[in-house]
Amino acid sequence: MLMKVFFLYSLICLIWGSTWLAIKIGLEGVPPFLAAGLRFVLASAVLFLIVFLKHIKIRLSEEGKISVLSAGILGFTLNYVGVYWAEQYISSGLAAILFSTMPLVVSLLSHFWMRSESLTNRKVTGILIGIAGTTVLFWPSEQVSLIKMAAMLAVLGAVLVSSINLLILKRYSRQTNMYLLNALGMSIGAISLLALSFVMESYDHLAWSRSNVLAILYLAVFGSVVTFLSYYYLLHAISATALSLSTLIIPVVAVLLGWIFYAEEISSHAIMGIVLVLSGVGLASVSGPIRVRFWLGRGGG
C-alpha cells in the first residue's frame, strides 16, 4: 500500500509536470477547445476499451451519477476550458504557478464548505511558502497586459472548479468504478469541448504537424488515462488537501525536466524556489490534525 501510493503520487507529479509544456505544443496550429476535446475523445476511447475488456457494467448509483457529472462538467470541461484558453496568452510556467494555489483553495473549501478538514495556521503557512517557491521559479519579468490578466484569471477559475470537483469526488465517488467514472467523465468533457469548439472557434488556420499530433496523443494517453486513474485511486487513499499539494511540485518537475533533457541551466534562484516548495509541502502535509497516510520524503506538486 505504502509503495503503491508513493509510486502513483510520484508518477502523476512527473507526468503532469510535463503536460503544461505538452499543452503549449499541442496548441501550435490547433484551437484550444478542439485540442482539449480531441485529447479527451482519445482518452475516453481508451478507457471505454478497458471497461469493455474488464466486463465492467455501465451502471451508476445516485452518488455515481453525481460523481460523473462533477468530473465531466467541472473536472474535464470547465477546468480545461480555462487552462487551454489561458495557455494561448501566458507561459506554461506561469499557468503552473497559478494552478499551485489549488491546495489553499481546497483547504479553504474543505474547512468552510465541506467541513471535512481542519484549517490550521501551520497548514496555511506551509501552502503559502510552497506558492512563494513556485513564484520564485517562474515569476514573469514582463509587463502584464489585459489579455494576460484575463488568462491568469481563467487559470484561477480553473483552480476553483477543479477544487470543487476534487471535494465532490472525495465525498461521492468511493463506490464508483474508477475506469467507468473516468471514461464517462472524459466523454462528457470531450463532447462539451468539441461543441464549444464548433460554436466558438474558426478552423481557417488549423495546421496539423508531427509535434502537435504527438503532443495531443501524449496528453490523451499519459496526461489523461494514466494520471487520472492514478489520481482517483489516490483520492481515496490520502486526504484531499494532501492530494492537491501535488500541484506544487509541477513547476519544480518542469525545471528539472528542462535541465535533464534540454540542458537548461538551473539558476540559484530556481534552486531557492525548489527548496521553498519542498519546505512548504512538508510543513503543510506532515503537521497538523490531518494525518496523511503516506510518507513522501517529502514532496508534493
C-alpha atoms as a PDB file:
ATOM      1  CA  MET A   1       0.000   0.000   0.000  1.00  0.00           C
ATOM      2  CA  LEU A   2       2.717   2.468   1.011  1.00  0.00           C
ATOM      3  CA  MET A   3       4.903   1.759  -2.030  1.00  0.00           C
ATOM      4  CA  LYS A   4       1.920   1.864  -4.401  1.00  0.00           C
ATOM      5  CA  VAL A   5       0.845   5.267  -3.088  1.00  0.00           C
ATOM      6  CA  PHE A   6       4.407   6.565  -3.302  1.00  0.00           C
ATOM      7  CA  PHE A   7       4.790   5.304  -6.892  1.00  0.00           C
ATOM      8  CA  LEU A   8       1.453   6.678  -8.144  1.00  0.00           C
ATOM      9  CA  TYR A   9       1.962  10.030  -6.423  1.00  0.00           C
ATOM     10  CA  SER A  10       5.424  10.348  -7.994  1.00  0.00           C
ATOM     11  CA  LEU A  11       4.037   9.291 -11.384  1.00  0.00           C
ATOM     12  CA  ILE A  12       1.328  11.941 -11.506  1.00  0.00           C
ATOM     13  CA  CYS A  13       3.818  14.604 -10.416  1.00  0.00           C
ATOM     14  CA  LEU A  14       6.245  13.593 -13.184  1.00  0.00           C
ATOM     15  CA  ILE A  15       3.674  13.353 -15.981  1.00  0.00           C
ATOM     16  CA  TRP A  16       1.625  16.400 -15.012  1.00  0.00           C
ATOM     17  CA  GLY A  17       4.883  18.301 -14.622  1.00  0.00           C
ATOM     18  CA  SER A  18       5.399  17.749 -18.358  1.00  0.00           C
ATOM     19  CA  THR A  19       1.819  18.305 -19.545  1.00  0.00           C
ATOM     20  CA  TRP A  20       1.918  22.104 -19.246  1.00  0.00           C
ATOM     21  CA  LEU A  21       4.562  22.202 -21.987  1.00  0.00           C
ATOM     22  CA  ALA A  22       2.754  19.487 -23.972  1.00  0.00           C
ATOM     23  CA  ILE A  23      -0.427  21.603 -23.936  1.00  0.00           C
ATOM     24  CA  LYS A  24       1.570  24.542 -25.297  1.00  0.00           C
ATOM     25  CA  ILE A  25       2.974  22.376 -28.115  1.00  0.00           C
ATOM     26  CA  GLY A  26      -0.456  20.928 -28.864  1.00  0.00           C
ATOM     27  CA  LEU A  27      -1.873  24.438 -29.314  1.00  0.00           C
ATOM     28  CA  GLU A  28       0.568  25.247 -32.134  1.00  0.00           C
ATOM     29  CA  GLY A  29      -1.810  25.343 -35.102  1.00  0.00           C
ATOM     30  CA  VAL A  30      -4.817  23.916 -33.243  1.00  0.00           C
ATOM     31  CA  PRO A  31      -7.580  25.936 -31.487  1.00  0.00           C
ATOM     32  CA  PRO A  32      -7.683  25.334 -27.707  1.00  0.00           C
ATOM     33  CA  PHE A  33     -11.126  23.755 -27.304  1.00  0.00           C
ATOM     34  CA  LEU A  34     -10.561  21.491 -30.321  1.00  0.00           C
ATOM     35  CA  ALA A  35      -7.186  20.368 -28.928  1.00  0.00           C
ATOM     36  CA  ALA A  36      -8.672  19.653 -25.489  1.00  0.00           C
ATOM     37  CA  GLY A  37     -11.720  17.930 -26.984  1.00  0.00           C
ATOM     38  CA  LEU A  38      -9.620  15.615 -29.165  1.00  0.00           C
ATOM     39  CA  ARG A  39      -7.466  14.796 -26.159  1.00  0.00           C
ATOM     40  CA  PHE A  40     -10.475  13.516 -24.248  1.00  0.00           C
ATOM     41  CA  VAL A  41     -12.016  11.763 -27.268  1.00  0.00           C
ATOM     42  CA  LEU A  42      -8.885   9.622 -27.478  1.00  0.00           C
ATOM     43  CA  ALA A  43      -8.586   9.205 -23.703  1.00  0.00           C
ATOM     44  CA  SER A  44     -12.244   8.209 -23.222  1.00  0.00           C
ATOM     45  CA  ALA A  45     -11.977   5.730 -26.122  1.00  0.00           C
ATOM     46  CA  VAL A  46      -9.045   4.014 -24.392  1.00  0.00           C
ATOM     47  CA  LEU A  47     -10.931   3.923 -21.104  1.00  0.00           C
ATOM     48  CA  PHE A  48     -14.128   2.532 -22.651  1.00  0.00           C
ATOM     49  CA  LEU A  49     -11.997  -0.207 -24.226  1.00  0.00           C
ATOM     50  CA  ILE A  50     -10.677  -1.050 -20.739  1.00  0.00           C
ATOM     51  CA  VAL A  51     -14.254  -1.030 -19.380  1.00  0.00           C
ATOM     52  CA  PHE A  52     -15.274  -3.447 -22.153  1.00  0.00           C
ATOM     53  CA  LEU A  53     -12.299  -5.771 -21.681  1.00  0.00           C
ATOM     54  CA  LYS A  54     -12.807  -5.862 -17.907  1.00  0.00           C
ATOM     55  CA  HIS A  55     -16.562  -6.552 -18.366  1.00  0.00           C
ATOM     56  CA  ILE A  56     -17.466  -3.600 -16.165  1.00  0.00           C
ATOM     57  CA  LYS A  57     -21.204  -2.922 -16.094  1.00  0.00           C
ATOM     58  CA  ILE A  58     -22.213   0.603 -17.068  1.00  0.00           C
ATOM     59  CA  ARG A  59     -24.453   1.116 -14.074  1.00  0.00           C
ATOM     60  CA  LEU A  60     -24.362   4.067 -11.686  1.00  0.00           C
ATOM     61  CA  SER A  61     -25.841   4.762  -8.282  1.00  0.00           C
ATOM     62  CA  GLU A  62     -27.151   8.213  -7.418  1.00  0.00           C
ATOM     63  CA  GLU A  63     -23.772   9.074  -5.914  1.00  0.00           C
ATOM     64  CA  GLY A  64     -22.078   7.687  -9.019  1.00  0.00           C
ATOM     65  CA  LYS A  65     -24.171   9.968 -11.239  1.00  0.00           C
ATOM     66  CA  ILE A  66     -23.171  12.973  -9.126  1.00  0.00           C
ATOM     67  CA  SER A  67     -19.517  11.950  -9.440  1.00  0.00           C
ATOM     68  CA  VAL A  68     -19.667  11.506 -13.213  1.00  0.00           C
ATOM     69  CA  LEU A  69     -21.442  14.827 -13.763  1.00  0.00           C
ATOM     70  CA  SER A  70     -18.980  16.622 -11.499  1.00  0.00           C
ATOM     71  CA  ALA A  71     -15.965  15.064 -13.231  1.00  0.00           C
ATOM     72  CA  GLY A  72     -17.398  15.703 -16.696  1.00  0.00           C
ATOM     73  CA  ILE A  73     -18.597  19.275 -16.241  1.00  0.00           C
ATOM     74  CA  LEU A  74     -16.196  20.654 -13.642  1.00  0.00           C
ATOM     75  CA  GLY A  75     -13.098  18.474 -13.999  1.00  0.00           C
ATOM     76  CA  PHE A  76     -12.919  17.760 -17.725  1.00  0.00           C
ATOM     77  CA  THR A  77     -14.806  20.708 -19.242  1.00  0.00           C
ATOM     78  CA  LEU A  78     -14.658  23.975 -17.289  1.00  0.00           C
ATOM     79  CA  ASN A  79     -11.228  23.236 -15.815  1.00  0.00           C
ATOM     80  CA  TYR A  80      -9.679  22.606 -19.234  1.00  0.00           C
ATOM     81  CA  VAL A  81     -11.547  25.457 -20.897  1.00  0.00           C
ATOM     82  CA  GLY A  82      -9.712  27.788 -18.530  1.00  0.00           C
ATOM     83  CA  VAL A  83      -6.302  26.131 -18.807  1.00  0.00           C
ATOM     84  CA  TYR A  84      -6.248  25.626 -22.594  1.00  0.00           C
ATOM     85  CA  TRP A  85      -7.596  29.077 -23.384  1.00  0.00           C
ATOM     86  CA  ALA A  86      -5.130  30.698 -20.984  1.00  0.00           C
ATOM     87  CA  GLU A  87      -2.056  28.948 -22.378  1.00  0.00           C
ATOM     88  CA  GLN A  88      -2.532  30.817 -25.667  1.00  0.00           C
ATOM     89  CA  TYR A  89      -1.522  34.005 -23.878  1.00  0.00           C
ATOM     90  CA  ILE A  90       0.655  33.098 -20.896  1.00  0.00           C
ATOM     91  CA  SER A  91       3.611  30.776 -20.425  1.00  0.00           C
ATOM     92  CA  SER A  92       3.148  27.207 -19.255  1.00  0.00           C
ATOM     93  CA  GLY A  93       5.280  28.077 -16.214  1.00  0.00           C
ATOM     94  CA  LEU A  94       3.040  30.963 -15.184  1.00  0.00           C
ATOM     95  CA  ALA A  95      -0.028  28.764 -15.636  1.00  0.00           C
ATOM     96  CA  ALA A  96       1.608  26.214 -13.337  1.00  0.00           C
ATOM     97  CA  ILE A  97       2.291  28.916 -10.737  1.00  0.00           C
ATOM     98  CA  LEU A  98      -1.344  29.967 -10.703  1.00  0.00           C
ATOM     99  CA  PHE A  99      -2.564  26.391 -10.505  1.00  0.00           C
ATOM    100  CA  SER A 100      -0.329  25.808  -7.499  1.00  0.00           C
ATOM    101  CA  THR A 101      -2.846  27.839  -5.466  1.00  0.00           C
ATOM    102  CA  MET A 102      -5.148  24.799  -5.555  1.00  0.00           C
ATOM    103  CA  PRO A 103      -4.057  23.366  -2.175  1.00  0.00           C
ATOM    104  CA  LEU A 104      -5.030  26.604  -0.442  1.00  0.00           C
ATOM    105  CA  VAL A 105      -8.399  26.673  -2.221  1.00  0.00           C
ATOM    106  CA  VAL A 106      -9.030  23.008  -1.333  1.00  0.00           C
ATOM    107  CA  SER A 107      -8.129  23.665   2.300  1.00  0.00           C
ATOM    108  CA  LEU A 108     -10.486  26.635   2.473  1.00  0.00           C
ATOM    109  CA  LEU A 109     -13.347  24.751   0.804  1.00  0.00           C
ATOM    110  CA  SER A 110     -12.717  21.667   2.966  1.00  0.00           C
ATOM    111  CA  HIS A 111     -12.949  23.792   6.099  1.00  0.00           C
ATOM    112  CA  PHE A 112     -15.742  26.246   5.271  1.00  0.00           C
ATOM    113  CA  TRP A 113     -17.887  24.263   2.785  1.00  0.00           C
ATOM    114  CA  MET A 114     -17.411  20.518   3.297  1.00  0.00           C
ATOM    115  CA  ARG A 115     -16.283  20.940   6.934  1.00  0.00           C
ATOM    116  CA  SER A 116     -14.192  17.798   6.449  1.00  0.00           C
ATOM    117  CA  GLU A 117     -10.690  19.042   7.282  1.00  0.00           C
ATOM    118  CA  SER A 118      -9.319  21.477   9.856  1.00  0.00           C
ATOM    119  CA  LEU A 119      -7.608  24.592   8.531  1.00  0.00           C
ATOM    120  CA  THR A 120      -4.649  25.241  10.810  1.00  0.00           C
ATOM    121  CA  ASN A 121      -2.226  28.154  10.747  1.00  0.00           C
ATOM    122  CA  ARG A 122       0.609  25.706  10.135  1.00  0.00           C
ATOM    123  CA  LYS A 123      -1.116  24.216   7.081  1.00  0.00           C
ATOM    124  CA  VAL A 124      -1.878  27.626   5.556  1.00  0.00           C
ATOM    125  CA  THR A 125       1.672  28.807   6.246  1.00  0.00           C
ATOM    126  CA  GLY A 126       3.119  25.726   4.535  1.00  0.00           C
ATOM    127  CA  ILE A 127       0.935  26.159   1.467  1.00  0.00           C
ATOM    128  CA  LEU A 128       1.841  29.852   1.179  1.00  0.00           C
ATOM    129  CA  ILE A 129       5.553  29.002   1.425  1.00  0.00           C
ATOM    130  CA  GLY A 130       5.096  26.471  -1.387  1.00  0.00           C
ATOM    131  CA  ILE A 131       3.302  29.025  -3.553  1.00  0.00           C
ATOM    132  CA  ALA A 132       6.099  31.520  -2.836  1.00  0.00           C
ATOM    133  CA  GLY A 133       8.581  28.914  -4.063  1.00  0.00           C
ATOM    134  CA  THR A 134       6.796  28.430  -7.380  1.00  0.00           C
ATOM    135  CA  THR A 135       6.623  32.203  -7.736  1.00  0.00           C
ATOM    136  CA  VAL A 136      10.404  32.428  -7.315  1.00  0.00           C
ATOM    137  CA  LEU A 137      10.788  29.755 -10.005  1.00  0.00           C
ATOM    138  CA  PHE A 138       8.623  31.278 -12.706  1.00  0.00           C
ATOM    139  CA  TRP A 139       7.688  34.876 -11.866  1.00  0.00           C
ATOM    140  CA  PRO A 140       7.433  36.778 -15.201  1.00  0.00           C
ATOM    141  CA  SER A 141       9.514  39.891 -15.708  1.00  0.00           C
ATOM    142  CA  GLU A 142       7.435  41.481 -18.467  1.00  0.00           C
ATOM    143  CA  GLN A 143       4.507  43.880 -18.075  1.00  0.00           C
ATOM    144  CA  VAL A 144       1.129  42.159 -17.732  1.00  0.00           C
ATOM    145  CA  SER A 145      -1.341  43.116 -20.490  1.00  0.00           C
ATOM    146  CA  LEU A 146      -5.129  42.948 -20.204  1.00  0.00           C
ATOM    147  CA  ILE A 147      -5.301  39.707 -22.203  1.00  0.00           C
ATOM    148  CA  LYS A 148      -2.654  38.132 -19.970  1.00  0.00           C
ATOM    149  CA  MET A 149      -4.568  39.295 -16.911  1.00  0.00           C
ATOM    150  CA  ALA A 150      -7.713  37.651 -18.339  1.00  0.00           C
ATOM    151  CA  ALA A 151      -5.726  34.469 -18.999  1.00  0.00           C
ATOM    152  CA  MET A 152      -4.440  34.402 -15.416  1.00  0.00           C
ATOM    153  CA  LEU A 153      -7.989  34.867 -14.109  1.00  0.00           C
ATOM    154  CA  ALA A 154      -9.081  31.975 -16.360  1.00  0.00           C
ATOM    155  CA  VAL A 155      -6.498  29.700 -14.713  1.00  0.00           C
ATOM    156  CA  LEU A 156      -7.675  30.793 -11.263  1.00  0.00           C
ATOM    157  CA  GLY A 157     -11.227  29.971 -12.341  1.00  0.00           C
ATOM    158  CA  ALA A 158      -9.972  26.540 -13.403  1.00  0.00           C
ATOM    159  CA  VAL A 159      -8.398  26.150  -9.960  1.00  0.00           C
ATOM    160  CA  LEU A 160     -11.733  26.881  -8.274  1.00  0.00           C
ATOM    161  CA  VAL A 161     -13.816  24.423 -10.329  1.00  0.00           C
ATOM    162  CA  SER A 162     -11.075  21.775 -10.079  1.00  0.00           C
ATOM    163  CA  SER A 163     -11.018  22.156  -6.287  1.00  0.00           C
ATOM    164  CA  ILE A 164     -14.799  21.849  -6.041  1.00  0.00           C
ATOM    165  CA  ASN A 165     -14.670  18.756  -8.258  1.00  0.00           C
ATOM    166  CA  LEU A 166     -11.964  17.162  -6.100  1.00  0.00           C
ATOM    167  CA  LEU A 167     -14.048  17.545  -2.939  1.00  0.00           C
ATOM    168  CA  ILE A 168     -17.251  16.311  -4.583  1.00  0.00           C
ATOM    169  CA  LEU A 169     -15.443  13.198  -5.821  1.00  0.00           C
ATOM    170  CA  LYS A 170     -13.833  12.721  -2.432  1.00  0.00           C
ATOM    171  CA  ARG A 171     -17.317  12.508  -0.915  1.00  0.00           C
ATOM    172  CA  TYR A 172     -19.370  10.716  -3.590  1.00  0.00           C
ATOM    173  CA  SER A 173     -17.129   8.589  -5.818  1.00  0.00           C
ATOM    174  CA  ARG A 174     -15.889   5.930  -3.397  1.00  0.00           C
ATOM    175  CA  GLN A 175     -18.266   3.224  -4.672  1.00  0.00           C
ATOM    176  CA  THR A 176     -17.952   4.117  -8.373  1.00  0.00           C
ATOM    177  CA  ASN A 177     -15.579   2.122 -10.567  1.00  0.00           C
ATOM    178  CA  MET A 178     -12.667   4.443 -11.429  1.00  0.00           C
ATOM    179  CA  TYR A 179     -12.423   3.222 -15.055  1.00  0.00           C
ATOM    180  CA  LEU A 180     -16.113   3.879 -15.626  1.00  0.00           C
ATOM    181  CA  LEU A 181     -16.002   7.207 -13.800  1.00  0.00           C
ATOM    182  CA  ASN A 182     -13.124   8.475 -15.924  1.00  0.00           C
ATOM    183  CA  ALA A 183     -14.498   7.063 -19.186  1.00  0.00           C
ATOM    184  CA  LEU A 184     -17.892   8.700 -18.721  1.00  0.00           C
ATOM    185  CA  GLY A 185     -16.454  11.921 -17.280  1.00  0.00           C
ATOM    186  CA  MET A 186     -13.943  12.343 -20.110  1.00  0.00           C
ATOM    187  CA  SER A 187     -16.603  11.587 -22.723  1.00  0.00           C
ATOM    188  CA  ILE A 188     -18.768  14.364 -21.269  1.00  0.00           C
ATOM    189  CA  GLY A 189     -15.722  16.639 -21.391  1.00  0.00           C
ATOM    190  CA  ALA A 190     -14.941  15.628 -24.981  1.00  0.00           C
ATOM    191  CA  ILE A 191     -18.498  16.283 -26.201  1.00  0.00           C
ATOM    192  CA  SER A 192     -18.720  19.608 -24.352  1.00  0.00           C
ATOM    193  CA  LEU A 193     -15.321  20.861 -25.548  1.00  0.00           C
ATOM    194  CA  LEU A 194     -15.929  19.858 -29.175  1.00  0.00           C
ATOM    195  CA  ALA A 195     -19.350  21.548 -29.053  1.00  0.00           C
ATOM    196  CA  LEU A 196     -17.716  24.726 -27.727  1.00  0.00           C
ATOM    197  CA  SER A 197     -15.088  24.469 -30.452  1.00  0.00           C
ATOM    198  CA  PHE A 198     -17.715  24.088 -33.178  1.00  0.00           C
ATOM    199  CA  VAL A 199     -19.646  27.132 -31.950  1.00  0.00           C
ATOM    200  CA  MET A 200     -16.787  29.455 -30.963  1.00  0.00           C
ATOM    201  CA  GLU A 201     -13.644  28.555 -32.931  1.00  0.00           C
ATOM    202  CA  SER A 202     -12.532  29.058 -36.513  1.00  0.00           C
ATOM    203  CA  TYR A 203     -10.643  26.336 -38.366  1.00  0.00           C
ATOM    204  CA  ASP A 204      -9.266  28.620 -41.096  1.00  0.00           C
ATOM    205  CA  HIS A 205      -5.740  28.442 -39.707  1.00  0.00           C
ATOM    206  CA  LEU A 206      -5.863  24.849 -38.497  1.00  0.00           C
ATOM    207  CA  ALA A 207      -2.499  23.217 -39.215  1.00  0.00           C
ATOM    208  CA  TRP A 208      -1.554  19.701 -38.199  1.00  0.00           C
ATOM    209  CA  SER A 209       2.072  18.829 -37.558  1.00  0.00           C
ATOM    210  CA  ARG A 210       4.022  15.916 -36.134  1.00  0.00           C
ATOM    211  CA  SER A 211       4.671  17.839 -32.922  1.00  0.00           C
ATOM    212  CA  ASN A 212       1.086  18.882 -32.123  1.00  0.00           C
ATOM    213  CA  VAL A 213      -0.310  15.428 -33.026  1.00  0.00           C
ATOM    214  CA  LEU A 214       2.234  13.708 -30.763  1.00  0.00           C
ATOM    215  CA  ALA A 215       1.515  16.234 -28.002  1.00  0.00           C
ATOM    216  CA  ILE A 216      -2.239  15.526 -28.138  1.00  0.00           C
ATOM    217  CA  LEU A 217      -1.583  11.761 -28.139  1.00  0.00           C
ATOM    218  CA  TYR A 218       0.764  12.095 -25.155  1.00  0.00           C
ATOM    219  CA  LEU A 219      -1.780  14.202 -23.289  1.00  0.00           C
ATOM    220  CA  ALA A 220      -4.548  11.703 -24.066  1.00  0.00           C
ATOM    221  CA  VAL A 221      -2.752   8.515 -23.036  1.00  0.00           C
ATOM    222  CA  PHE A 222      -0.291   9.599 -20.351  1.00  0.00           C
ATOM    223  CA  GLY A 223      -1.632  13.013 -19.301  1.00  0.00           C
ATOM    224  CA  SER A 224      -5.216  11.730 -19.036  1.00  0.00           C
ATOM    225  CA  VAL A 225      -5.671   7.950 -18.844  1.00  0.00           C
ATOM    226  CA  VAL A 226      -2.598   7.046 -16.770  1.00  0.00           C
ATOM    227  CA  THR A 227      -2.647  10.087 -14.497  1.00  0.00           C
ATOM    228  CA  PHE A 228      -6.363  10.328 -13.786  1.00  0.00           C
ATOM    229  CA  LEU A 229      -6.671   6.625 -12.964  1.00  0.00           C
ATOM    230  CA  SER A 230      -3.773   7.100 -10.551  1.00  0.00           C
ATOM    231  CA  TYR A 231      -5.289  10.353  -9.264  1.00  0.00           C
ATOM    232  CA  TYR A 232      -8.671   8.827  -8.415  1.00  0.00           C
ATOM    233  CA  TYR A 233      -7.032   5.899  -6.672  1.00  0.00           C
ATOM    234  CA  LEU A 234      -5.063   8.335  -4.510  1.00  0.00           C
ATOM    235  CA  LEU A 235      -8.209  10.380  -3.872  1.00  0.00           C
ATOM    236  CA  HIS A 236      -9.418   7.651  -1.517  1.00  0.00           C
ATOM    237  CA  ALA A 237      -6.010   6.745  -0.102  1.00  0.00           C
ATOM    238  CA  ILE A 238      -4.976  10.177   1.218  1.00  0.00           C
ATOM    239  CA  SER A 239      -6.644  13.433   2.268  1.00  0.00           C
ATOM    240  CA  ALA A 240      -7.957  15.870  -0.340  1.00  0.00           C
ATOM    241  CA  THR A 241      -5.545  18.577   0.795  1.00  0.00           C
ATOM    242  CA  ALA A 242      -2.557  16.221   0.652  1.00  0.00           C
ATOM    243  CA  LEU A 243      -3.541  15.156  -2.869  1.00  0.00           C
ATOM    244  CA  SER A 244      -3.992  18.756  -4.012  1.00  0.00           C
ATOM    245  CA  LEU A 245      -0.459  19.510  -2.778  1.00  0.00           C
ATOM    246  CA  SER A 246       0.739  17.607  -5.845  1.00  0.00           C
ATOM    247  CA  THR A 247       0.088  20.828  -7.808  1.00  0.00           C
ATOM    248  CA  LEU A 248       3.025  22.468  -6.025  1.00  0.00           C
ATOM    249  CA  ILE A 249       5.702  20.136  -7.404  1.00  0.00           C
ATOM    250  CA  ILE A 250       4.661  20.524 -11.061  1.00  0.00           C
ATOM    251  CA  PRO A 251       6.744  23.678 -11.734  1.00  0.00           C
ATOM    252  CA  VAL A 252       9.714  22.045  -9.995  1.00  0.00           C
ATOM    253  CA  VAL A 253       9.391  18.996 -12.255  1.00  0.00           C
ATOM    254  CA  ALA A 254       9.250  21.285 -15.294  1.00  0.00           C
ATOM    255  CA  VAL A 255      12.580  22.887 -14.310  1.00  0.00           C
ATOM    256  CA  LEU A 256      14.245  19.524 -13.695  1.00  0.00           C
ATOM    257  CA  LEU A 257      12.987  18.026 -16.982  1.00  0.00           C
ATOM    258  CA  GLY A 258      14.332  21.050 -18.856  1.00  0.00           C
ATOM    259  CA  TRP A 259      17.716  20.568 -17.202  1.00  0.00           C
ATOM    260  CA  ILE A 260      17.861  16.804 -17.868  1.00  0.00           C
ATOM    261  CA  PHE A 261      16.553  16.661 -21.452  1.00  0.00           C
ATOM    262  CA  TYR A 262      17.366  20.114 -22.868  1.00  0.00           C
ATOM    263  CA  ALA A 263      20.487  21.084 -20.878  1.00  0.00           C
ATOM    264  CA  GLU A 264      18.691  24.127 -19.484  1.00  0.00           C
ATOM    265  CA  GLU A 265      20.614  25.805 -16.686  1.00  0.00           C
ATOM    266  CA  ILE A 266      19.134  25.773 -13.180  1.00  0.00           C
ATOM    267  CA  SER A 267      19.897  29.144 -11.642  1.00  0.00           C
ATOM    268  CA  SER A 268      20.471  29.889  -7.981  1.00  0.00           C
ATOM    269  CA  HIS A 269      17.012  31.458  -7.641  1.00  0.00           C
ATOM    270  CA  ALA A 270      15.499  28.286  -9.185  1.00  0.00           C
ATOM    271  CA  ILE A 271      17.234  26.183  -6.536  1.00  0.00           C
ATOM    272  CA  MET A 272      15.896  28.542  -3.864  1.00  0.00           C
ATOM    273  CA  GLY A 273      12.406  28.147  -5.319  1.00  0.00           C
ATOM    274  CA  ILE A 274      12.665  24.346  -5.241  1.00  0.00           C
ATOM    275  CA  VAL A 275      13.775  24.433  -1.599  1.00  0.00           C
ATOM    276  CA  LEU A 276      10.850  26.713  -0.707  1.00  0.00           C
ATOM    277  CA  VAL A 277       8.358  24.470  -2.484  1.00  0.00           C
ATOM    278  CA  LEU A 278       9.530  21.288  -0.806  1.00  0.00           C
ATOM    279  CA  SER A 279       9.725  23.001   2.583  1.00  0.00           C
ATOM    280  CA  GLY A 280       6.204  24.349   2.225  1.00  0.00           C
ATOM    281  CA  VAL A 281       4.814  20.994   1.143  1.00  0.00           C
ATOM    282  CA  GLY A 282       6.485  19.273   4.078  1.00  0.00           C
ATOM    283  CA  LEU A 283       5.178  21.825   6.566  1.00  0.00           C
ATOM    284  CA  ALA A 284       1.616  21.678   5.246  1.00  0.00           C
ATOM    285  CA  SER A 285       1.277  17.921   4.820  1.00  0.00           C
ATOM    286  CA  VAL A 286       3.261  16.489   7.748  1.00  0.00           C
ATOM    287  CA  SER A 287       1.967  18.638  10.592  1.00  0.00           C
ATOM    288  CA  GLY A 288      -1.483  19.470  11.891  1.00  0.00           C
ATOM    289  CA  PRO A 289      -4.547  17.429  12.800  1.00  0.00           C
ATOM    290  CA  ILE A 290      -4.855  15.768   9.389  1.00  0.00           C
ATOM    291  CA  ARG A 291      -2.840  12.537   9.425  1.00  0.00           C
ATOM    292  CA  VAL A 292      -1.625  11.944   5.889  1.00  0.00           C
ATOM    293  CA  ARG A 293      -1.476   8.184   5.363  1.00  0.00           C
ATOM    294  CA  PHE A 294       1.814   8.018   3.472  1.00  0.00           C
ATOM    295  CA  TRP A 295       5.292   9.459   3.594  1.00  0.00           C
ATOM    296  CA  LEU A 296       6.874  11.004   0.506  1.00  0.00           C
ATOM    297  CA  GLY A 297      10.231  12.132   1.564  1.00  0.00           C
ATOM    298  CA  ARG A 298       8.630  14.989   1.484  1.00  0.00           C
ATOM    299  CA  GLY A 299       7.221  16.366  -1.692  1.00  0.00           C
ATOM    300  CA  GLY A 300       4.069  17.338  -3.488  1.00  0.00           C
ATOM    301  CA  GLY A 301       3.165  19.110  -6.589  1.00  0.00           C
END
